[in-house]
Amino acid sequence: NLELIIEGHGEMILRGEISEALSSNIKYLEAIQA
């Protein structure tokens, strides 16, 4: 249950964007493997 994520590179991710941003990264990892 997070309010803010600081990425290792780039922008910060605000609470309302966290779920979508993490889902996007998961989908990307699944896509490159496939």
All heavy atoms as atom14 arrays in JSON, in Angstrom:
{
  "sequence": "NLELIIEGHGEMILRGEISEALSSNIKYLEAIQA",
  "atom14_mask": [
    [1, 1, 1, 1, 1, 1, 1, 1, 0, 0, 0, 0, 0, 0],
    [1, 1, 1, 1, 1, 1, 1, 1, 0, 0, 0, 0, 0, 0],
    [1, 1, 1, 1, 1, 1, 1, 1, 1, 0, 0, 0, 0, 0],
    [1, 1, 1, 1, 1, 1, 1, 1, 0, 0, 0, 0, 0, 0],
    [1, 1, 1, 1, 1, 1, 1, 1, 0, 0, 0, 0, 0, 0],
    [1, 1, 1, 1, 1, 1, 1, 1, 0, 0, 0, 0, 0, 0],
    [1, 1, 1, 1, 1, 1, 1, 1, 1, 0, 0, 0, 0, 0],
    [1, 1, 1, 1, 0, 0, 0, 0, 0, 0, 0, 0, 0, 0],
    [1, 1, 1, 1, 1, 1, 1, 1, 1, 1, 0, 0, 0, 0],
    [1, 1, 1, 1, 0, 0, 0, 0, 0, 0, 0, 0, 0, 0],
    [1, 1, 1, 1, 1, 1, 1, 1, 1, 0, 0, 0, 0, 0],
    [1, 1, 1, 1, 1, 1, 1, 1, 0, 0, 0, 0, 0, 0],
    [1, 1, 1, 1, 1, 1, 1, 1, 0, 0, 0, 0, 0, 0],
    [1, 1, 1, 1, 1, 1, 1, 1, 0, 0, 0, 0, 0, 0],
    [1, 1, 1, 1, 1, 1, 1, 1, 1, 1, 1, 0, 0, 0],
    [1, 1, 1, 1, 0, 0, 0, 0, 0, 0, 0, 0, 0, 0],
    [1, 1, 1, 1, 1, 1, 1, 1, 1, 0, 0, 0, 0, 0],
    [1, 1, 1, 1, 1, 1, 1, 1, 0, 0, 0, 0, 0, 0],
    [1, 1, 1, 1, 1, 1, 0, 0, 0, 0, 0, 0, 0, 0],
    [1, 1, 1, 1, 1, 1, 1, 1, 1, 0, 0, 0, 0, 0],
    [1, 1, 1, 1, 1, 0, 0, 0, 0, 0, 0, 0, 0, 0],
    [1, 1, 1, 1, 1, 1, 1, 1, 0, 0, 0, 0, 0, 0],
    [1, 1, 1, 1, 1, 1, 0, 0, 0, 0, 0, 0, 0, 0],
    [1, 1, 1, 1, 1, 1, 0, 0, 0, 0, 0, 0, 0, 0],
    [1, 1, 1, 1, 1, 1, 1, 1, 0, 0, 0, 0, 0, 0],
    [1, 1, 1, 1, 1, 1, 1, 1, 0, 0, 0, 0, 0, 0],
    [1, 1, 1, 1, 1, 1, 1, 1, 1, 0, 0, 0, 0, 0],
    [1, 1, 1, 1, 1, 1, 1, 1, 1, 1, 1, 1, 0, 0],
    [1, 1, 1, 1, 1, 1, 1, 1, 0, 0, 0, 0, 0, 0],
    [1, 1, 1, 1, 1, 1, 1, 1, 1, 0, 0, 0, 0, 0],
    [1, 1, 1, 1, 1, 0, 0, 0, 0, 0, 0, 0, 0, 0],
    [1, 1, 1, 1, 1, 1, 1, 1, 0, 0, 0, 0, 0, 0],
    [1, 1, 1, 1, 1, 1, 1, 1, 1, 0, 0, 0, 0, 0],
    [1, 1, 1, 1, 1, 0, 0, 0, 0, 0, 0, 0, 0, 0]
  ],
  "atom14_positions": [
    [[0.86, -1.19, 0.0], [0.0, 0.0, 0.0], [0.89, 1.24, 0.0], [1.25, 1.77, 1.05], [-0.91, -0.02, 1.23], [-1.85, 1.17, 1.26], [-2.13, 1.79, 0.23], [-2.32, 1.51, 2.45], [0.0, 0.0, 0.0], [0.0, 0.0, 0.0], [0.0, 0.0, 0.0], [0.0, 0.0, 0.0], [0.0, 0.0, 0.0], [0.0, 0.0, 0.0]],
    [[1.24, 1.71, -1.19], [2.24, 2.76, -1.33], [1.62, 4.08, -1.8], [0.66, 4.08, -2.57], [3.32, 2.33, -2.33], [4.14, 1.09, -1.94], [5.01, 0.65, -3.12], [4.99, 1.35, -0.7], [0.0, 0.0, 0.0], [0.0, 0.0, 0.0], [0.0, 0.0, 0.0], [0.0, 0.0, 0.0], [0.0, 0.0, 0.0], [0.0, 0.0, 0.0]],
    [[2.22, 5.16, -1.35], [1.84, 6.49, -1.81], [2.71, 6.95, -2.98], [2.27, 7.73, -3.82], [1.97, 7.5, -0.66], [0.94, 7.36, 0.43], [-0.46, 7.78, -0.02], [-0.56, 8.62, -0.94], [-1.43, 7.25, 0.53], [0.0, 0.0, 0.0], [0.0, 0.0, 0.0], [0.0, 0.0, 0.0], [0.0, 0.0, 0.0], [0.0, 0.0, 0.0]],
    [[3.95, 6.45, -3.02], [4.9, 6.97, -4.0], [6.01, 5.95, -4.22], [6.47, 5.32, -3.26], [5.51, 8.28, -3.49], [6.48, 9.04, -4.4], [5.76, 9.62, -5.61], [7.17, 10.15, -3.62], [0.0, 0.0, 0.0], [0.0, 0.0, 0.0], [0.0, 0.0, 0.0], [0.0, 0.0, 0.0], [0.0, 0.0, 0.0], [0.0, 0.0, 0.0]],
    [[6.4, 5.77, -5.48], [7.56, 4.94, -5.82], [8.6, 5.81, -6.5], [8.29, 6.55, -7.44], [7.17, 3.77, -6.75], [6.31, 2.74, -6.0], [8.42, 3.09, -7.31], [5.85, 1.59, -6.86], [0.0, 0.0, 0.0], [0.0, 0.0, 0.0], [0.0, 0.0, 0.0], [0.0, 0.0, 0.0], [0.0, 0.0, 0.0], [0.0, 0.0, 0.0]],
    [[9.84, 5.72, -6.02], [10.96, 6.36, -6.69], [11.67, 5.3, -7.51], [12.2, 4.32, -6.97], [11.93, 7.02, -5.69], [11.25, 8.19, -4.96], [13.17, 7.54, -6.41], [10.6, 7.8, -3.67], [0.0, 0.0, 0.0], [0.0, 0.0, 0.0], [0.0, 0.0, 0.0], [0.0, 0.0, 0.0], [0.0, 0.0, 0.0], [0.0, 0.0, 0.0]],
    [[11.64, 5.44, -8.82], [12.31, 4.5, -9.7], [13.82, 4.64, -9.58], [14.34, 5.7, -9.21], [11.91, 4.73, -11.15], [10.44, 4.53, -11.44], [10.11, 4.74, -12.9], [10.14, 5.9, -13.36], [9.84, 3.74, -13.59], [0.0, 0.0, 0.0], [0.0, 0.0, 0.0], [0.0, 0.0, 0.0], [0.0, 0.0, 0.0], [0.0, 0.0, 0.0]],
    [[14.55, 3.59, -9.94], [16.0, 3.66, -9.93], [16.55, 4.6, -10.98], [17.65, 5.16, -10.83], [0.0, 0.0, 0.0], [0.0, 0.0, 0.0], [0.0, 0.0, 0.0], [0.0, 0.0, 0.0], [0.0, 0.0, 0.0], [0.0, 0.0, 0.0], [0.0, 0.0, 0.0], [0.0, 0.0, 0.0], [0.0, 0.0, 0.0], [0.0, 0.0, 0.0]],
    [[15.8, 4.81, -12.04], [16.13, 5.76, -13.11], [14.81, 6.39, -13.55], [13.82, 5.69, -13.77], [16.78, 5.06, -14.31], [18.08, 4.38, -14.0], [19.3, 4.93, -14.32], [18.34, 3.2, -13.41], [20.26, 4.11, -13.93], [19.71, 3.06, -13.37], [0.0, 0.0, 0.0], [0.0, 0.0, 0.0], [0.0, 0.0, 0.0], [0.0, 0.0, 0.0]],
    [[14.81, 7.7, -13.69], [13.64, 8.34, -14.26], [12.73, 9.0, -13.25], [13.17, 9.5, -12.22], [0.0, 0.0, 0.0], [0.0, 0.0, 0.0], [0.0, 0.0, 0.0], [0.0, 0.0, 0.0], [0.0, 0.0, 0.0], [0.0, 0.0, 0.0], [0.0, 0.0, 0.0], [0.0, 0.0, 0.0], [0.0, 0.0, 0.0], [0.0, 0.0, 0.0]],
    [[11.44, 8.96, -13.54], [10.45, 9.73, -12.81], [9.94, 8.99, -11.58], [10.1, 7.78, -11.44], [9.25, 10.04, -13.74], [9.61, 10.75, -15.02], [10.13, 12.15, -14.8], [9.74, 12.77, -13.78], [10.92, 12.63, -15.64], [0.0, 0.0, 0.0], [0.0, 0.0, 0.0], [0.0, 0.0, 0.0], [0.0, 0.0, 0.0], [0.0, 0.0, 0.0]],
    [[9.29, 9.75, -10.7], [8.58, 9.15, -9.58], [7.2, 8.7, -10.04], [6.63, 9.26, -10.99], [8.46, 10.16, -8.43], [9.79, 10.5, -7.79], [9.66, 11.77, -6.5], [9.58, 13.25, -7.52], [0.0, 0.0, 0.0], [0.0, 0.0, 0.0], [0.0, 0.0, 0.0], [0.0, 0.0, 0.0], [0.0, 0.0, 0.0], [0.0, 0.0, 0.0]],
    [[6.65, 7.7, -9.38], [5.34, 7.16, -9.72], [4.39, 7.46, -8.57], [4.6, 6.99, -7.44], [5.4, 5.65, -10.0], [6.45, 5.33, -11.07], [4.03, 5.15, -10.44], [6.66, 3.84, -11.28], [0.0, 0.0, 0.0], [0.0, 0.0, 0.0], [0.0, 0.0, 0.0], [0.0, 0.0, 0.0], [0.0, 0.0, 0.0], [0.0, 0.0, 0.0]],
    [[3.34, 8.22, -8.85], [2.38, 8.61, -7.83], [1.37, 7.5, -7.57], [1.19, 6.59, -8.39], [1.66, 9.88, -8.26], [2.56, 11.1, -8.56], [1.73, 12.27, -9.06], [3.36, 11.49, -7.34], [0.0, 0.0, 0.0], [0.0, 0.0, 0.0], [0.0, 0.0, 0.0], [0.0, 0.0, 0.0], [0.0, 0.0, 0.0], [0.0, 0.0, 0.0]],
    [[0.71, 7.61, -6.43], [-0.18, 6.55, -5.96], [-1.17, 6.07, -7.03], [-1.33, 4.88, -7.25], [-0.95, 7.04, -4.73], [-1.9, 6.0, -4.17], [-2.61, 6.5, -2.93], [-3.49, 5.49, -2.38], [-4.2, 5.64, -1.28], [-4.13, 6.78, -0.6], [-4.98, 4.68, -0.84], [0.0, 0.0, 0.0], [0.0, 0.0, 0.0], [0.0, 0.0, 0.0]],
    [[-1.81, 7.01, -7.7], [-2.82, 6.63, -8.68], [-2.26, 5.96, -9.92], [-3.03, 5.38, -10.71], [0.0, 0.0, 0.0], [0.0, 0.0, 0.0], [0.0, 0.0, 0.0], [0.0, 0.0, 0.0], [0.0, 0.0, 0.0], [0.0, 0.0, 0.0], [0.0, 0.0, 0.0], [0.0, 0.0, 0.0], [0.0, 0.0, 0.0], [0.0, 0.0, 0.0]],
    [[-0.94, 6.02, -10.11], [-0.32, 5.46, -11.31], [0.43, 4.16, -11.02], [0.9, 3.51, -11.95], [0.68, 6.48, -11.88], [0.06, 7.84, -12.2], [1.1, 8.92, -12.42], [2.26, 8.73, -11.98], [0.75, 9.95, -13.03], [0.0, 0.0, 0.0], [0.0, 0.0, 0.0], [0.0, 0.0, 0.0], [0.0, 0.0, 0.0], [0.0, 0.0, 0.0]],
    [[0.55, 3.79, -9.74], [1.43, 2.69, -9.36], [0.97, 1.36, -9.95], [1.76, 0.63, -10.58], [1.55, 2.6, -7.83], [2.4, 3.75, -7.31], [2.16, 1.26, -7.41], [2.47, 3.85, -5.79], [0.0, 0.0, 0.0], [0.0, 0.0, 0.0], [0.0, 0.0, 0.0], [0.0, 0.0, 0.0], [0.0, 0.0, 0.0], [0.0, 0.0, 0.0]],
    [[-0.3, 1.03, -9.79], [-0.79, -0.27, -10.26], [-0.59, -0.42, -11.77], [-0.1, -1.44, -12.25], [-2.26, -0.44, -9.9], [-2.74, -1.69, -10.36], [0.0, 0.0, 0.0], [0.0, 0.0, 0.0], [0.0, 0.0, 0.0], [0.0, 0.0, 0.0], [0.0, 0.0, 0.0], [0.0, 0.0, 0.0], [0.0, 0.0, 0.0], [0.0, 0.0, 0.0]],
    [[-0.94, 0.63, -12.51], [-0.81, 0.57, -13.97], [0.65, 0.47, -14.39], [1.0, -0.3, -15.31], [-1.45, 1.8, -14.59], [-1.4, 1.81, -16.12], [-2.06, 3.04, -16.72], [-2.68, 3.81, -15.97], [-1.93, 3.22, -17.95], [0.0, 0.0, 0.0], [0.0, 0.0, 0.0], [0.0, 0.0, 0.0], [0.0, 0.0, 0.0], [0.0, 0.0, 0.0]],
    [[1.54, 1.23, -13.72], [2.95, 1.22, -14.09], [3.58, -0.15, -13.84], [4.34, -0.66, -14.67], [3.7, 2.29, -13.3], [0.0, 0.0, 0.0], [0.0, 0.0, 0.0], [0.0, 0.0, 0.0], [0.0, 0.0, 0.0], [0.0, 0.0, 0.0], [0.0, 0.0, 0.0], [0.0, 0.0, 0.0], [0.0, 0.0, 0.0], [0.0, 0.0, 0.0]],
    [[3.26, -0.76, -12.71], [3.83, -2.07, -12.4], [3.24, -3.14, -13.31], [3.97, -4.04, -13.76], [3.59, -2.42, -10.93], [4.27, -1.48, -9.92], [3.92, -1.89, -8.49], [5.78, -1.46, -10.11], [0.0, 0.0, 0.0], [0.0, 0.0, 0.0], [0.0, 0.0, 0.0], [0.0, 0.0, 0.0], [0.0, 0.0, 0.0], [0.0, 0.0, 0.0]],
    [[1.95, -3.05, -13.6], [1.34, -4.01, -14.54], [1.97, -3.89, -15.92], [2.2, -4.9, -16.6], [-0.17, -3.76, -14.63], [-0.81, -4.06, -13.42], [0.0, 0.0, 0.0], [0.0, 0.0, 0.0], [0.0, 0.0, 0.0], [0.0, 0.0, 0.0], [0.0, 0.0, 0.0], [0.0, 0.0, 0.0], [0.0, 0.0, 0.0], [0.0, 0.0, 0.0]],
    [[2.28, -2.66, -16.33], [2.92, -2.45, -17.63], [4.29, -3.12, -17.67], [4.66, -3.73, -18.68], [3.05, -0.95, -17.89], [3.81, -0.69, -19.05], [0.0, 0.0, 0.0], [0.0, 0.0, 0.0], [0.0, 0.0, 0.0], [0.0, 0.0, 0.0], [0.0, 0.0, 0.0], [0.0, 0.0, 0.0], [0.0, 0.0, 0.0], [0.0, 0.0, 0.0]],
    [[5.05, -3.02, -16.58], [6.36, -3.66, -16.56], [6.25, -5.17, -16.58], [7.06, -5.86, -17.22], [7.14, -3.2, -15.32], [7.76, -1.83, -15.5], [7.49, -1.14, -16.47], [8.6, -1.42, -14.56], [0.0, 0.0, 0.0], [0.0, 0.0, 0.0], [0.0, 0.0, 0.0], [0.0, 0.0, 0.0], [0.0, 0.0, 0.0], [0.0, 0.0, 0.0]],
    [[5.27, -5.71, -15.87], [5.06, -7.16, -15.88], [4.69, -7.63, -17.29], [5.23, -8.62, -17.8], [3.97, -7.56, -14.86], [4.48, -7.35, -13.43], [3.53, -9.0, -15.06], [3.4, -7.44, -12.37], [0.0, 0.0, 0.0], [0.0, 0.0, 0.0], [0.0, 0.0, 0.0], [0.0, 0.0, 0.0], [0.0, 0.0, 0.0], [0.0, 0.0, 0.0]],
    [[3.78, -6.91, -17.94], [3.37, -7.28, -19.3], [4.55, -7.2, -20.27], [4.68, -8.03, -21.17], [2.24, -6.36, -19.76], [0.91, -6.63, -19.05], [-0.15, -5.63, -19.49], [-1.46, -5.87, -18.74], [-2.48, -4.84, -19.1], [0.0, 0.0, 0.0], [0.0, 0.0, 0.0], [0.0, 0.0, 0.0], [0.0, 0.0, 0.0], [0.0, 0.0, 0.0]],
    [[5.4, -6.2, -20.09], [6.59, -6.09, -20.94], [7.49, -7.3, -20.77], [7.97, -7.88, -21.76], [7.35, -4.81, -20.61], [8.73, -4.75, -21.25], [8.88, -4.37, -22.58], [9.86, -5.11, -20.53], [10.13, -4.34, -23.18], [11.12, -5.08, -21.13], [11.25, -4.7, -22.45], [12.5, -4.68, -23.03], [0.0, 0.0, 0.0], [0.0, 0.0, 0.0]],
    [[7.75, -7.69, -19.53], [8.61, -8.85, -19.28], [8.02, -10.13, -19.86], [8.75, -10.97, -20.4], [8.85, -9.0, -17.78], [9.73, -7.9, -17.15], [9.63, -7.94, -15.64], [11.18, -8.03, -17.6], [0.0, 0.0, 0.0], [0.0, 0.0, 0.0], [0.0, 0.0, 0.0], [0.0, 0.0, 0.0], [0.0, 0.0, 0.0], [0.0, 0.0, 0.0]],
    [[6.72, -10.27, -19.76], [6.06, -11.43, -20.36], [6.16, -11.37, -21.88], [6.39, -12.4, -22.54], [4.6, -11.48, -19.91], [4.43, -11.79, -18.43], [3.0, -11.64, -17.94], [2.19, -10.94, -18.61], [2.68, -12.21, -16.89], [0.0, 0.0, 0.0], [0.0, 0.0, 0.0], [0.0, 0.0, 0.0], [0.0, 0.0, 0.0], [0.0, 0.0, 0.0]],
    [[6.02, -10.18, -22.43], [6.05, -10.01, -23.89], [7.42, -10.34, -24.47], [7.52, -11.03, -25.5], [5.64, -8.59, -24.26], [0.0, 0.0, 0.0], [0.0, 0.0, 0.0], [0.0, 0.0, 0.0], [0.0, 0.0, 0.0], [0.0, 0.0, 0.0], [0.0, 0.0, 0.0], [0.0, 0.0, 0.0], [0.0, 0.0, 0.0], [0.0, 0.0, 0.0]],
    [[8.49, -9.84, -23.84], [9.81, -10.1, -24.43], [10.16, -11.59, -24.37], [10.78, -12.12, -25.29], [10.93, -9.25, -23.79], [11.06, -9.49, -22.28], [10.72, -7.78, -24.1], [12.24, -8.79, -21.65], [0.0, 0.0, 0.0], [0.0, 0.0, 0.0], [0.0, 0.0, 0.0], [0.0, 0.0, 0.0], [0.0, 0.0, 0.0], [0.0, 0.0, 0.0]],
    [[9.74, -12.26, -23.32], [9.99, -13.7, -23.26], [9.23, -14.43, -24.37], [9.79, -15.3, -25.05], [9.57, -14.24, -21.9], [10.43, -13.76, -20.74], [9.89, -14.24, -19.41], [10.23, -15.33, -18.94], [9.04, -13.44, -18.8], [0.0, 0.0, 0.0], [0.0, 0.0, 0.0], [0.0, 0.0, 0.0], [0.0, 0.0, 0.0], [0.0, 0.0, 0.0]],
    [[7.97, -14.06, -24.57], [7.16, -14.72, -25.6], [7.69, -14.41, -26.99], [7.77, -15.31, -27.85], [5.71, -14.26, -25.47], [0.0, 0.0, 0.0], [0.0, 0.0, 0.0], [0.0, 0.0, 0.0], [0.0, 0.0, 0.0], [0.0, 0.0, 0.0], [0.0, 0.0, 0.0], [0.0, 0.0, 0.0], [0.0, 0.0, 0.0], [0.0, 0.0, 0.0]]
  ]
}
